[in-house]
C-alpha cells in the first residue's frame, strides 16, 4: 500500500445509508460505490457497521 503524496487530491465523501436488517444480525449498505475510492471517514462508518451488525451486505457492486 502506498502513501499518498501531500499534493494528492482528497477523496470525496460518498453519500450512503446503513440499513439494519430486521433480524438480530446484519445490515445493508446502500448508495456506496465500491468501484470508487473510499475516504477515511466513510471507511470508519463501514467498519463501525461491521462491528455493530457483524455482517454487511453490498448489493449490485462492480469491483
N, C-alpha and C. Protein backbone atom coordinates (compact mmCIF):
# COMPACT_ATOMS: atom_id res chain seq x y z
N UNK A 1 0.85 -1.17 0.00
CA UNK A 1 0.00 0.00 0.00
C UNK A 1 0.89 1.22 0.00
N UNK A 2 0.60 2.14 -0.88
CA UNK A 2 1.42 3.35 -0.97
C UNK A 2 0.78 4.48 -0.18
N UNK A 3 1.63 5.38 0.26
CA UNK A 3 1.17 6.55 0.99
C UNK A 3 0.96 7.67 -0.01
N UNK A 4 -0.21 8.32 0.00
CA UNK A 4 -0.46 9.39 -0.97
C UNK A 4 0.49 10.56 -0.73
N UNK A 5 0.85 11.20 -1.80
CA UNK A 5 1.71 12.37 -1.69
C UNK A 5 0.92 13.53 -1.11
N UNK A 6 1.60 14.49 -0.48
CA UNK A 6 0.89 15.62 0.12
C UNK A 6 0.07 16.41 -0.90
N UNK A 7 0.44 16.36 -2.18
CA UNK A 7 -0.28 17.12 -3.20
C UNK A 7 -1.47 16.35 -3.77
N UNK A 8 -1.67 15.10 -3.32
CA UNK A 8 -2.78 14.31 -3.83
C UNK A 8 -4.11 14.94 -3.42
N UNK A 9 -5.06 14.90 -4.33
CA UNK A 9 -6.39 15.45 -4.05
C UNK A 9 -7.09 14.59 -3.01
N UNK A 10 -7.82 15.20 -2.08
CA UNK A 10 -8.56 14.40 -1.10
C UNK A 10 -9.65 13.58 -1.78
N UNK A 11 -9.98 12.47 -1.17
CA UNK A 11 -11.03 11.60 -1.70
C UNK A 11 -12.37 12.14 -1.22
N UNK A 12 -13.27 12.34 -2.16
CA UNK A 12 -14.59 12.88 -1.83
C UNK A 12 -15.40 11.87 -1.04
N UNK A 13 -16.18 12.38 -0.10
CA UNK A 13 -17.08 11.52 0.67
C UNK A 13 -18.20 11.03 -0.23
N UNK A 14 -18.69 9.84 0.07
CA UNK A 14 -19.84 9.30 -0.64
C UNK A 14 -21.05 9.36 0.29
N UNK A 15 -22.21 9.48 -0.30
CA UNK A 15 -23.45 9.50 0.47
C UNK A 15 -24.03 8.09 0.44
N UNK A 16 -24.17 7.50 1.62
CA UNK A 16 -24.73 6.15 1.69
C UNK A 16 -25.44 5.96 3.03
N UNK A 17 -26.34 4.98 3.04
CA UNK A 17 -27.11 4.66 4.24
C UNK A 17 -26.72 3.27 4.72
N UNK A 18 -26.83 3.09 6.03
CA UNK A 18 -26.64 1.78 6.64
C UNK A 18 -28.00 1.38 7.18
N UNK A 19 -28.57 0.32 6.61
CA UNK A 19 -29.92 -0.11 6.95
C UNK A 19 -29.86 -1.48 7.64
N UNK A 20 -30.07 -1.50 8.95
CA UNK A 20 -30.06 -2.79 9.66
C UNK A 20 -31.18 -3.69 9.17
N UNK A 21 -30.90 -4.99 9.13
CA UNK A 21 -31.93 -5.97 8.81
C UNK A 21 -32.85 -6.12 10.01
N UNK A 22 -34.02 -6.68 9.80
CA UNK A 22 -34.98 -6.83 10.89
C UNK A 22 -34.58 -7.90 11.89
N UNK A 23 -33.70 -8.81 11.51
CA UNK A 23 -33.24 -9.85 12.42
C UNK A 23 -32.16 -9.34 13.36
N UNK A 24 -31.58 -10.25 14.09
CA UNK A 24 -30.57 -9.89 15.09
C UNK A 24 -29.22 -9.53 14.49
N UNK A 25 -28.96 -9.95 13.26
CA UNK A 25 -27.64 -9.77 12.65
C UNK A 25 -27.78 -9.19 11.26
N UNK A 26 -26.88 -8.29 10.90
CA UNK A 26 -26.74 -7.85 9.53
C UNK A 26 -27.29 -6.48 9.23
N UNK A 27 -26.68 -5.87 8.22
CA UNK A 27 -27.11 -4.58 7.70
C UNK A 27 -26.71 -4.49 6.24
N UNK A 28 -27.47 -3.70 5.52
CA UNK A 28 -27.18 -3.45 4.11
C UNK A 28 -26.65 -2.02 3.98
N UNK A 29 -25.61 -1.87 3.20
CA UNK A 29 -25.07 -0.54 2.93
C UNK A 29 -25.54 -0.16 1.53
N UNK A 30 -26.33 0.92 1.47
CA UNK A 30 -27.00 1.33 0.25
C UNK A 30 -26.45 2.68 -0.21
N UNK A 31 -26.11 2.77 -1.49
CA UNK A 31 -25.66 4.04 -2.06
C UNK A 31 -24.17 4.18 -2.17
N UNK A 32 -23.42 3.25 -1.63
CA UNK A 32 -21.96 3.29 -1.69
C UNK A 32 -21.49 2.63 -2.98
N UNK A 33 -20.55 3.25 -3.67
CA UNK A 33 -19.98 2.69 -4.89
C UNK A 33 -18.57 2.21 -4.57
N UNK A 34 -18.41 0.89 -4.45
CA UNK A 34 -17.11 0.33 -4.10
C UNK A 34 -16.10 0.38 -5.24
N UNK A 35 -16.54 0.78 -6.42
CA UNK A 35 -15.61 0.96 -7.54
C UNK A 35 -14.86 2.29 -7.41
N UNK A 36 -15.37 3.19 -6.55
CA UNK A 36 -14.72 4.47 -6.29
C UNK A 36 -13.90 4.39 -5.02
N UNK A 37 -12.89 5.24 -4.89
CA UNK A 37 -12.13 5.25 -3.64
C UNK A 37 -13.02 5.62 -2.46
N UNK A 38 -12.68 5.10 -1.29
CA UNK A 38 -13.42 5.37 -0.06
C UNK A 38 -12.51 6.16 0.87
N UNK A 39 -12.99 7.30 1.35
CA UNK A 39 -12.15 8.11 2.23
C UNK A 39 -12.15 7.51 3.64
N UNK A 40 -11.32 8.07 4.51
CA UNK A 40 -11.15 7.52 5.86
C UNK A 40 -12.44 7.57 6.67
N UNK A 41 -13.20 8.65 6.55
CA UNK A 41 -14.43 8.77 7.33
C UNK A 41 -15.47 7.75 6.87
N UNK A 42 -15.60 7.57 5.56
CA UNK A 42 -16.54 6.57 5.04
C UNK A 42 -16.11 5.17 5.45
N UNK A 43 -14.81 4.90 5.38
CA UNK A 43 -14.30 3.59 5.79
C UNK A 43 -14.62 3.34 7.26
N UNK A 44 -14.47 4.37 8.09
CA UNK A 44 -14.77 4.24 9.52
C UNK A 44 -16.25 3.90 9.73
N UNK A 45 -17.16 4.52 8.95
CA UNK A 45 -18.59 4.20 9.05
C UNK A 45 -18.86 2.75 8.66
N UNK A 46 -18.22 2.29 7.59
CA UNK A 46 -18.39 0.91 7.14
C UNK A 46 -17.86 -0.06 8.20
N UNK A 47 -16.71 0.25 8.73
CA UNK A 47 -16.10 -0.59 9.76
C UNK A 47 -16.99 -0.65 11.00
N UNK A 48 -17.52 0.50 11.42
CA UNK A 48 -18.40 0.54 12.59
C UNK A 48 -19.65 -0.29 12.33
N UNK A 49 -20.21 -0.21 11.11
CA UNK A 49 -21.39 -1.02 10.76
C UNK A 49 -21.06 -2.50 10.86
N UNK A 50 -19.88 -2.88 10.41
CA UNK A 50 -19.45 -4.28 10.50
C UNK A 50 -19.34 -4.71 11.96
N UNK A 51 -18.75 -3.87 12.79
CA UNK A 51 -18.61 -4.20 14.21
C UNK A 51 -19.97 -4.27 14.90
N UNK A 52 -20.87 -3.35 14.56
CA UNK A 52 -22.19 -3.30 15.20
C UNK A 52 -23.13 -4.41 14.74
N UNK A 53 -23.08 -4.76 13.45
CA UNK A 53 -24.08 -5.67 12.86
C UNK A 53 -23.49 -7.03 12.47
N UNK A 54 -22.19 -7.17 12.52
CA UNK A 54 -21.46 -8.42 12.27
C UNK A 54 -21.44 -8.87 10.82
N UNK A 55 -22.43 -8.52 10.05
CA UNK A 55 -22.50 -8.86 8.62
C UNK A 55 -22.96 -7.61 7.89
N UNK A 56 -22.24 -7.24 6.83
CA UNK A 56 -22.70 -6.13 5.99
C UNK A 56 -22.83 -6.62 4.56
N UNK A 57 -23.85 -6.14 3.88
CA UNK A 57 -24.16 -6.55 2.52
C UNK A 57 -24.03 -5.35 1.61
N UNK A 58 -23.32 -5.52 0.50
CA UNK A 58 -23.17 -4.52 -0.54
C UNK A 58 -23.77 -5.14 -1.80
N UNK A 59 -24.93 -4.70 -2.21
CA UNK A 59 -25.60 -5.29 -3.39
C UNK A 59 -25.15 -4.59 -4.67
N UNK A 60 -25.18 -5.36 -5.76
CA UNK A 60 -25.01 -4.84 -7.12
C UNK A 60 -23.75 -3.98 -7.29
N UNK A 61 -22.62 -4.50 -6.82
CA UNK A 61 -21.35 -3.77 -6.95
C UNK A 61 -20.53 -4.32 -8.10
N UNK A 62 -19.84 -3.43 -8.78
CA UNK A 62 -18.87 -3.82 -9.81
C UNK A 62 -17.50 -3.40 -9.28
N UNK A 63 -16.79 -4.38 -8.73
CA UNK A 63 -15.47 -4.08 -8.18
C UNK A 63 -14.40 -4.91 -8.84
